[in-house]
Protein backbone atom coordinates (compact mmCIF):
# COMPACT_ATOMS: atom_id res chain seq x y z
CA MET A 1 -160.84 -90.70 66.21
CA ASN A 2 -164.47 -91.75 65.62
CA GLU A 3 -163.37 -94.03 62.77
CA ASN A 4 -161.04 -95.85 65.13
CA LYS A 5 -163.80 -96.32 67.74
CA GLU A 6 -166.13 -97.86 65.17
CA ARG A 7 -163.65 -100.71 64.70
CA LYS A 8 -163.15 -101.31 68.42
CA GLU A 9 -165.20 -103.75 70.44
CA ILE A 10 -167.66 -102.20 72.89
CA LEU A 11 -167.30 -103.85 76.30
CA ILE A 12 -169.96 -101.85 78.14
CA SER A 13 -172.76 -99.80 76.65
CA VAL A 14 -175.11 -97.83 78.91
CA ARG A 15 -178.11 -95.82 77.71
CA GLY A 16 -180.42 -93.69 79.82
CA LEU A 17 -179.23 -95.02 83.19
CA LYS A 18 -181.23 -93.61 86.10
CA THR A 19 -180.85 -94.40 89.79
CA TYR A 20 -183.17 -92.71 92.26
CA TYR A 21 -183.37 -93.20 96.01
CA PRO A 22 -186.78 -92.96 97.70
CA VAL A 23 -187.30 -90.35 100.44
CA ARG A 24 -189.54 -91.87 103.10
CA LYS A 25 -191.41 -89.79 105.65
CA GLY A 26 -193.88 -90.23 108.44
CA ILE A 27 -194.68 -92.98 110.86
CA PHE A 28 -195.58 -95.41 108.08
CA LYS A 29 -192.48 -94.54 106.00
CA LYS A 30 -194.47 -93.59 102.91
CA THR A 31 -192.47 -92.50 99.89
CA ALA A 32 -192.62 -88.71 99.73
CA GLY A 33 -190.36 -88.28 96.71
CA TYR A 34 -187.05 -89.33 95.20
CA VAL A 35 -183.45 -88.13 95.21
CA LYS A 36 -181.99 -88.33 91.71
CA ALA A 37 -178.52 -89.77 92.30
CA VAL A 38 -177.90 -90.59 88.62
CA ASP A 39 -180.18 -89.27 85.89
CA HIS A 40 -179.97 -90.24 82.20
CA VAL A 41 -176.35 -91.36 81.71
CA ASP A 42 -175.17 -92.61 78.31
CA LEU A 43 -171.68 -94.07 77.81
CA ASP A 44 -169.68 -96.64 75.87
CA ILE A 45 -166.48 -98.26 77.09
CA TYR A 46 -164.32 -99.79 74.37
CA ARG A 47 -161.72 -102.55 74.66
CA GLY A 48 -158.34 -101.04 75.52
CA GLU A 49 -159.77 -97.78 76.91
CA ILE A 50 -159.81 -96.51 80.46
CA LEU A 51 -162.73 -94.52 81.84
CA GLY A 52 -162.22 -92.00 84.61
CA VAL A 53 -165.20 -90.55 86.47
CA VAL A 54 -164.55 -87.30 88.32
CA GLY A 55 -166.75 -84.92 90.22
CA GLU A 56 -167.56 -83.34 93.52
CA SER A 57 -168.32 -85.33 96.64
CA GLY A 58 -171.89 -86.60 96.51
CA CYS A 59 -172.39 -86.14 92.76
CA GLY A 60 -173.15 -89.83 92.04
CA LYS A 61 -169.81 -91.35 90.99
CA THR A 62 -170.12 -94.39 93.25
CA THR A 63 -173.82 -94.81 92.50
CA LEU A 64 -173.02 -94.77 88.77
CA GLY A 65 -170.42 -97.52 89.18
CA LYS A 66 -172.65 -99.64 91.41
CA SER A 67 -175.58 -99.23 89.00
CA ILE A 68 -173.48 -100.31 86.01
CA LEU A 69 -172.28 -103.38 87.95
CA GLN A 70 -175.87 -103.98 89.11
CA LEU A 71 -174.83 -103.90 92.77
CA ILE A 72 -177.79 -101.57 93.24
CA ARG A 73 -180.91 -101.64 91.13
CA PRO A 74 -181.29 -98.74 88.65
CA PHE A 75 -184.66 -96.98 88.70
C-alpha cells in the first residue's frame, strides 16, 4: 500500500499543526495560559482518497479543519 501512495499526488500535506486558544483573565484580560485545541498533527491527503476525522465532542475536529483551511490562524 505504501508503494501505491508514493505514486499518488499529495493534495494536502500538514506537519506539526498546532492551534491554541488564549485563556484571558482579570480586568485587563491578560493571557493567563492557553488551551491546546490541536497539538502537533501530521497528515497527508492524496488525490482520490477520502479523510474521515472522528472523535469525541470537543476533541478538536472542527478546529483541525478550520486550521487546515486557514479559517483560523494556527499557533
